[in-house]
Amino acid sequence: MYRIMHIRTGLTVAAMAVVLAAGAAFAQQAAKPKSLGAFGDWDAWEIGDGRSKTCFVRAKPKSQDSKGLKRGEVQIQVSIRPADKVKNEVGVYVGYPLKAGSKVVAEIDKESFELDPSTQAGYRETAWIHDTKREGDLVTAMMKGNNLVVKGTSERNVATSDSYSLRGISAGLKAIADRCK
């Protein structure tokens, strides 16, 4: 029973993440996400159909250092939304409201990427890269790297560090690219 509840919780969080990425118009049309399979430490999903279809891969951290901070769902996601001409949009969900004016930093090997926390009410637990070229650089680094570390700071000034495996990201990205053209 716990496994079924955990799967439902994961699917609910995945659906919420896609709705966030796709905006309010898409939220009205959202359906249940459909699994496209597991790829190493990443799983791929599809939601919607036709022009409103969105595909994404996501992973949960392998380890977390939160210094006692109580957190909600934590994950990283890469989305494709063909109707909006969005490809490889990276979203990080840290599980706590981010400190205003702070940056979330994603580190892969020797490369570092800054993500901007959302300032939108209700979404202060998320961070994005707003420069599509830099976002593409992050996705390329993810495909070449082995591990990703995401660091953030809560509004209570608690630093966190989440470590993700990048095993399977390339196969997962290929799966969603084939599905969401």
C-alpha atoms as a PDB file:
ATOM      1  CA  MET A   1       0.000   0.000   0.000  1.00  0.00           C
ATOM      2  CA  TYR A   2       2.852   2.400   0.875  1.00  0.00           C
ATOM      3  CA  ARG A   3       4.411   1.829  -2.574  1.00  0.00           C
ATOM      4  CA  ILE A   4       1.111   2.643  -4.315  1.00  0.00           C
ATOM      5  CA  MET A   5       0.699   5.813  -2.234  1.00  0.00           C
ATOM      6  CA  HIS A   6       4.345   6.768  -2.946  1.00  0.00           C
ATOM      7  CA  ILE A   7       3.825   6.256  -6.692  1.00  0.00           C
ATOM      8  CA  ARG A   8       0.632   8.335  -6.606  1.00  0.00           C
ATOM      9  CA  THR A   9       2.429  11.076  -4.685  1.00  0.00           C
ATOM     10  CA  GLY A  10       5.264  11.060  -7.237  1.00  0.00           C
ATOM     11  CA  LEU A  11       2.820  11.255 -10.127  1.00  0.00           C
ATOM     12  CA  THR A  12       0.942  14.097  -8.440  1.00  0.00           C
ATOM     13  CA  VAL A  13       4.180  16.016  -7.940  1.00  0.00           C
ATOM     14  CA  ALA A  14       5.198  15.304 -11.542  1.00  0.00           C
ATOM     15  CA  ALA A  15       1.851  16.561 -12.807  1.00  0.00           C
ATOM     16  CA  MET A  16       2.141  19.718 -10.697  1.00  0.00           C
ATOM     17  CA  ALA A  17       5.638  20.358 -12.053  1.00  0.00           C
ATOM     18  CA  VAL A  18       4.452  20.088 -15.640  1.00  0.00           C
ATOM     19  CA  VAL A  19       1.512  22.388 -14.950  1.00  0.00           C
ATOM     20  CA  LEU A  20       3.901  24.937 -13.449  1.00  0.00           C
ATOM     21  CA  ALA A  21       6.120  24.780 -16.526  1.00  0.00           C
ATOM     22  CA  ALA A  22       3.277  24.976 -19.011  1.00  0.00           C
ATOM     23  CA  GLY A  23       1.258  27.785 -17.434  1.00  0.00           C
ATOM     24  CA  ALA A  24      -2.343  28.339 -16.511  1.00  0.00           C
ATOM     25  CA  ALA A  25      -3.799  27.647 -19.967  1.00  0.00           C
ATOM     26  CA  PHE A  26      -2.267  24.207 -19.980  1.00  0.00           C
ATOM     27  CA  ALA A  27      -3.444  23.558 -16.415  1.00  0.00           C
ATOM     28  CA  GLN A  28      -7.062  23.578 -17.579  1.00  0.00           C
ATOM     29  CA  GLN A  29      -6.286  20.865 -20.136  1.00  0.00           C
ATOM     30  CA  ALA A  30      -3.943  18.752 -17.968  1.00  0.00           C
ATOM     31  CA  ALA A  31      -4.510  15.029 -17.812  1.00  0.00           C
ATOM     32  CA  LYS A  32      -2.746  12.326 -15.856  1.00  0.00           C
ATOM     33  CA  PRO A  33       0.908  11.910 -16.820  1.00  0.00           C
ATOM     34  CA  LYS A  34       1.822   8.766 -18.738  1.00  0.00           C
ATOM     35  CA  SER A  35       5.114   7.034 -17.983  1.00  0.00           C
ATOM     36  CA  LEU A  36       7.498   6.653 -20.899  1.00  0.00           C
ATOM     37  CA  GLY A  37       9.797   4.464 -18.820  1.00  0.00           C
ATOM     38  CA  ALA A  38      12.740   4.563 -16.461  1.00  0.00           C
ATOM     39  CA  PHE A  39      16.196   5.389 -17.777  1.00  0.00           C
ATOM     40  CA  GLY A  40      18.861   4.755 -15.179  1.00  0.00           C
ATOM     41  CA  ASP A  41      18.164   7.195 -12.365  1.00  0.00           C
ATOM     42  CA  TRP A  42      15.714   9.243 -14.460  1.00  0.00           C
ATOM     43  CA  ASP A  43      12.107   8.608 -15.434  1.00  0.00           C
ATOM     44  CA  ALA A  44      10.334  10.032 -18.469  1.00  0.00           C
ATOM     45  CA  TRP A  45       6.744  11.260 -18.671  1.00  0.00           C
ATOM     46  CA  GLU A  46       4.232  12.576 -21.173  1.00  0.00           C
ATOM     47  CA  ILE A  47       1.147  14.615 -20.366  1.00  0.00           C
ATOM     48  CA  GLY A  48      -1.554  16.005 -22.629  1.00  0.00           C
ATOM     49  CA  ASP A  49      -1.950  15.316 -26.322  1.00  0.00           C
ATOM     50  CA  GLY A  50      -1.706  17.001 -29.683  1.00  0.00           C
ATOM     51  CA  ARG A  51      -0.325  20.529 -29.583  1.00  0.00           C
ATOM     52  CA  SER A  52      -0.697  20.743 -25.801  1.00  0.00           C
ATOM     53  CA  LYS A  53       1.547  17.731 -25.164  1.00  0.00           C
ATOM     54  CA  THR A  54       4.457  18.159 -22.742  1.00  0.00           C
ATOM     55  CA  CYS A  55       7.192  15.619 -22.093  1.00  0.00           C
ATOM     56  CA  PHE A  56       9.723  15.653 -19.286  1.00  0.00           C
ATOM     57  CA  VAL A  57      12.381  13.643 -17.508  1.00  0.00           C
ATOM     58  CA  ARG A  58      12.954  13.956 -13.805  1.00  0.00           C
ATOM     59  CA  ALA A  59      15.192  12.652 -11.062  1.00  0.00           C
ATOM     60  CA  LYS A  60      15.249  12.778  -7.307  1.00  0.00           C
ATOM     61  CA  PRO A  61      18.443  13.391  -5.341  1.00  0.00           C
ATOM     62  CA  LYS A  62      20.603  10.446  -4.317  1.00  0.00           C
ATOM     63  CA  SER A  63      21.645  12.386  -1.217  1.00  0.00           C
ATOM     64  CA  GLN A  64      20.564  15.568   0.549  1.00  0.00           C
ATOM     65  CA  ASP A  65      22.309  17.846   3.020  1.00  0.00           C
ATOM     66  CA  SER A  66      19.673  20.159   4.498  1.00  0.00           C
ATOM     67  CA  LYS A  67      20.992  20.793   8.008  1.00  0.00           C
ATOM     68  CA  GLY A  68      17.669  19.857   9.636  1.00  0.00           C
ATOM     69  CA  LEU A  69      15.492  21.959   7.293  1.00  0.00           C
ATOM     70  CA  LYS A  70      12.045  20.421   6.815  1.00  0.00           C
ATOM     71  CA  ARG A  71      11.500  20.064   3.064  1.00  0.00           C
ATOM     72  CA  GLY A  72       8.819  19.109   0.601  1.00  0.00           C
ATOM     73  CA  GLU A  73       9.341  17.302  -2.697  1.00  0.00           C
ATOM     74  CA  VAL A  74      12.841  17.724  -4.176  1.00  0.00           C
ATOM     75  CA  GLN A  75      13.639  16.981  -7.829  1.00  0.00           C
ATOM     76  CA  ILE A  76      15.124  18.258 -11.062  1.00  0.00           C
ATOM     77  CA  GLN A  77      13.232  18.151 -14.320  1.00  0.00           C
ATOM     78  CA  VAL A  78      13.938  18.794 -18.011  1.00  0.00           C
ATOM     79  CA  SER A  79      10.852  19.551 -20.144  1.00  0.00           C
ATOM     80  CA  ILE A  80       9.863  19.841 -23.792  1.00  0.00           C
ATOM     81  CA  ARG A  81       6.736  21.787 -24.799  1.00  0.00           C
ATOM     82  CA  PRO A  82       6.440  21.766 -28.616  1.00  0.00           C
ATOM     83  CA  ALA A  83       3.440  24.136 -28.723  1.00  0.00           C
ATOM     84  CA  ASP A  84       5.497  26.806 -26.962  1.00  0.00           C
ATOM     85  CA  LYS A  85       8.678  25.935 -28.903  1.00  0.00           C
ATOM     86  CA  VAL A  86      10.367  25.095 -25.595  1.00  0.00           C
ATOM     87  CA  LYS A  87      13.059  22.438 -25.617  1.00  0.00           C
ATOM     88  CA  ASN A  88      15.139  21.253 -22.661  1.00  0.00           C
ATOM     89  CA  GLU A  89      13.742  23.643 -20.055  1.00  0.00           C
ATOM     90  CA  VAL A  90      15.405  22.882 -16.716  1.00  0.00           C
ATOM     91  CA  GLY A  91      13.463  23.306 -13.494  1.00  0.00           C
ATOM     92  CA  VAL A  92      14.761  22.611  -9.994  1.00  0.00           C
ATOM     93  CA  TYR A  93      12.330  21.990  -7.134  1.00  0.00           C
ATOM     94  CA  VAL A  94      14.125  22.427  -3.800  1.00  0.00           C
ATOM     95  CA  GLY A  95      11.284  21.688  -1.354  1.00  0.00           C
ATOM     96  CA  TYR A  96      11.399  24.982   0.572  1.00  0.00           C
ATOM     97  CA  PRO A  97      10.874  28.694  -0.172  1.00  0.00           C
ATOM     98  CA  LEU A  98      14.105  30.120  -1.556  1.00  0.00           C
ATOM     99  CA  LYS A  99      15.738  33.191  -0.072  1.00  0.00           C
ATOM    100  CA  ALA A 100      14.792  36.344  -1.985  1.00  0.00           C
ATOM    101  CA  GLY A 101      17.638  37.592  -4.166  1.00  0.00           C
ATOM    102  CA  SER A 102      19.581  34.333  -3.859  1.00  0.00           C
ATOM    103  CA  LYS A 103      20.716  32.049  -6.675  1.00  0.00           C
ATOM    104  CA  VAL A 104      20.464  28.304  -6.955  1.00  0.00           C
ATOM    105  CA  VAL A 105      23.722  26.833  -8.241  1.00  0.00           C
ATOM    106  CA  ALA A 106      23.976  23.621 -10.265  1.00  0.00           C
ATOM    107  CA  GLU A 107      27.472  22.132 -10.437  1.00  0.00           C
ATOM    108  CA  ILE A 108      28.560  19.425 -12.866  1.00  0.00           C
ATOM    109  CA  ASP A 109      32.220  18.473 -12.772  1.00  0.00           C
ATOM    110  CA  LYS A 110      34.056  21.813 -12.963  1.00  0.00           C
ATOM    111  CA  GLU A 111      31.171  23.738 -14.528  1.00  0.00           C
ATOM    112  CA  SER A 112      28.710  25.875 -12.572  1.00  0.00           C
ATOM    113  CA  PHE A 113      25.289  27.214 -13.610  1.00  0.00           C
ATOM    114  CA  GLU A 114      23.141  29.797 -11.821  1.00  0.00           C
ATOM    115  CA  LEU A 115      19.381  29.402 -11.710  1.00  0.00           C
ATOM    116  CA  ASP A 116      16.979  32.137 -10.663  1.00  0.00           C
ATOM    117  CA  PRO A 117      14.391  31.391  -7.979  1.00  0.00           C
ATOM    118  CA  SER A 118      10.816  32.009  -9.037  1.00  0.00           C
ATOM    119  CA  THR A 119       9.318  35.164  -7.566  1.00  0.00           C
ATOM    120  CA  GLN A 120       5.779  34.092  -8.437  1.00  0.00           C
ATOM    121  CA  ALA A 121       3.571  33.511  -5.398  1.00  0.00           C
ATOM    122  CA  GLY A 122       3.101  29.814  -4.740  1.00  0.00           C
ATOM    123  CA  TYR A 123       6.184  28.797  -6.732  1.00  0.00           C
ATOM    124  CA  ARG A 124       8.998  30.096  -4.517  1.00  0.00           C
ATOM    125  CA  GLU A 125      10.379  26.546  -4.194  1.00  0.00           C
ATOM    126  CA  THR A 126      11.469  26.455  -7.849  1.00  0.00           C
ATOM    127  CA  ALA A 127      14.391  27.816  -9.845  1.00  0.00           C
ATOM    128  CA  TRP A 128      14.968  28.195 -13.596  1.00  0.00           C
ATOM    129  CA  ILE A 129      17.568  29.379 -16.090  1.00  0.00           C
ATOM    130  CA  HIS A 130      16.058  32.178 -18.174  1.00  0.00           C
ATOM    131  CA  ASP A 131      18.812  32.234 -20.827  1.00  0.00           C
ATOM    132  CA  THR A 132      18.010  29.462 -23.340  1.00  0.00           C
ATOM    133  CA  LYS A 133      21.631  29.216 -24.534  1.00  0.00           C
ATOM    134  CA  ARG A 134      22.900  28.757 -20.984  1.00  0.00           C
ATOM    135  CA  GLU A 135      20.077  26.300 -20.362  1.00  0.00           C
ATOM    136  CA  GLY A 136      21.244  24.299 -23.390  1.00  0.00           C
ATOM    137  CA  ASP A 137      24.784  24.370 -21.984  1.00  0.00           C
ATOM    138  CA  LEU A 138      23.465  22.947 -18.696  1.00  0.00           C
ATOM    139  CA  VAL A 139      21.623  20.123 -20.467  1.00  0.00           C
ATOM    140  CA  THR A 140      24.740  19.310 -22.532  1.00  0.00           C
ATOM    141  CA  ALA A 141      26.841  19.214 -19.358  1.00  0.00           C
ATOM    142  CA  MET A 142      24.241  16.953 -17.742  1.00  0.00           C
ATOM    143  CA  MET A 143      24.488  14.532 -20.664  1.00  0.00           C
ATOM    144  CA  LYS A 144      28.292  14.437 -20.412  1.00  0.00           C
ATOM    145  CA  GLY A 145      28.610  14.423 -16.613  1.00  0.00           C
ATOM    146  CA  ASN A 146      28.174  11.779 -13.942  1.00  0.00           C
ATOM    147  CA  ASN A 147      26.851  13.783 -11.002  1.00  0.00           C
ATOM    148  CA  LEU A 148      25.011  17.029 -10.442  1.00  0.00           C
ATOM    149  CA  VAL A 149      25.019  18.983  -7.184  1.00  0.00           C
ATOM    150  CA  VAL A 150      22.325  21.624  -6.644  1.00  0.00           C
ATOM    151  CA  LYS A 151      22.895  24.196  -3.882  1.00  0.00           C
ATOM    152  CA  GLY A 152      20.335  26.638  -2.574  1.00  0.00           C
ATOM    153  CA  THR A 153      19.522  28.827   0.417  1.00  0.00           C
ATOM    154  CA  SER A 154      16.193  28.874   2.208  1.00  0.00           C
ATOM    155  CA  GLU A 155      14.385  32.039   3.236  1.00  0.00           C
ATOM    156  CA  ARG A 156      15.548  31.150   6.774  1.00  0.00           C
ATOM    157  CA  ASN A 157      19.150  31.251   5.489  1.00  0.00           C
ATOM    158  CA  VAL A 158      19.745  27.479   5.665  1.00  0.00           C
ATOM    159  CA  ALA A 159      22.094  26.238   2.926  1.00  0.00           C
ATOM    160  CA  THR A 160      21.191  22.969   1.200  1.00  0.00           C
ATOM    161  CA  SER A 161      23.026  20.659  -1.156  1.00  0.00           C
ATOM    162  CA  ASP A 162      21.348  17.911  -3.207  1.00  0.00           C
ATOM    163  CA  SER A 163      23.346  15.360  -5.220  1.00  0.00           C
ATOM    164  CA  TYR A 164      21.817  13.783  -8.312  1.00  0.00           C
ATOM    165  CA  SER A 165      23.046  10.931 -10.482  1.00  0.00           C
ATOM    166  CA  LEU A 166      23.085  11.731 -14.188  1.00  0.00           C
ATOM    167  CA  ARG A 167      22.998   8.048 -15.158  1.00  0.00           C
ATOM    168  CA  GLY A 168      20.290   7.651 -17.806  1.00  0.00           C
ATOM    169  CA  ILE A 169      19.687  11.345 -18.561  1.00  0.00           C
ATOM    170  CA  SER A 170      20.769  11.040 -22.224  1.00  0.00           C
ATOM    171  CA  ALA A 171      18.468   8.069 -22.881  1.00  0.00           C
ATOM    172  CA  GLY A 172      15.608   9.806 -21.067  1.00  0.00           C
ATOM    173  CA  LEU A 173      16.069  12.996 -23.081  1.00  0.00           C
ATOM    174  CA  LYS A 174      16.070  10.977 -26.309  1.00  0.00           C
ATOM    175  CA  ALA A 175      12.838   9.272 -25.269  1.00  0.00           C
ATOM    176  CA  ILE A 176      11.017  12.548 -24.630  1.00  0.00           C
ATOM    177  CA  ALA A 177      12.452  14.167 -27.776  1.00  0.00           C
ATOM    178  CA  ASP A 178      11.121  11.231 -29.848  1.00  0.00           C
ATOM    179  CA  ARG A 179       7.734  11.475 -28.159  1.00  0.00           C
ATOM    180  CA  CYS A 180       7.264  15.275 -28.111  1.00  0.00           C
ATOM    181  CA  LYS A 181       8.129  16.540 -31.588  1.00  0.00           C
END
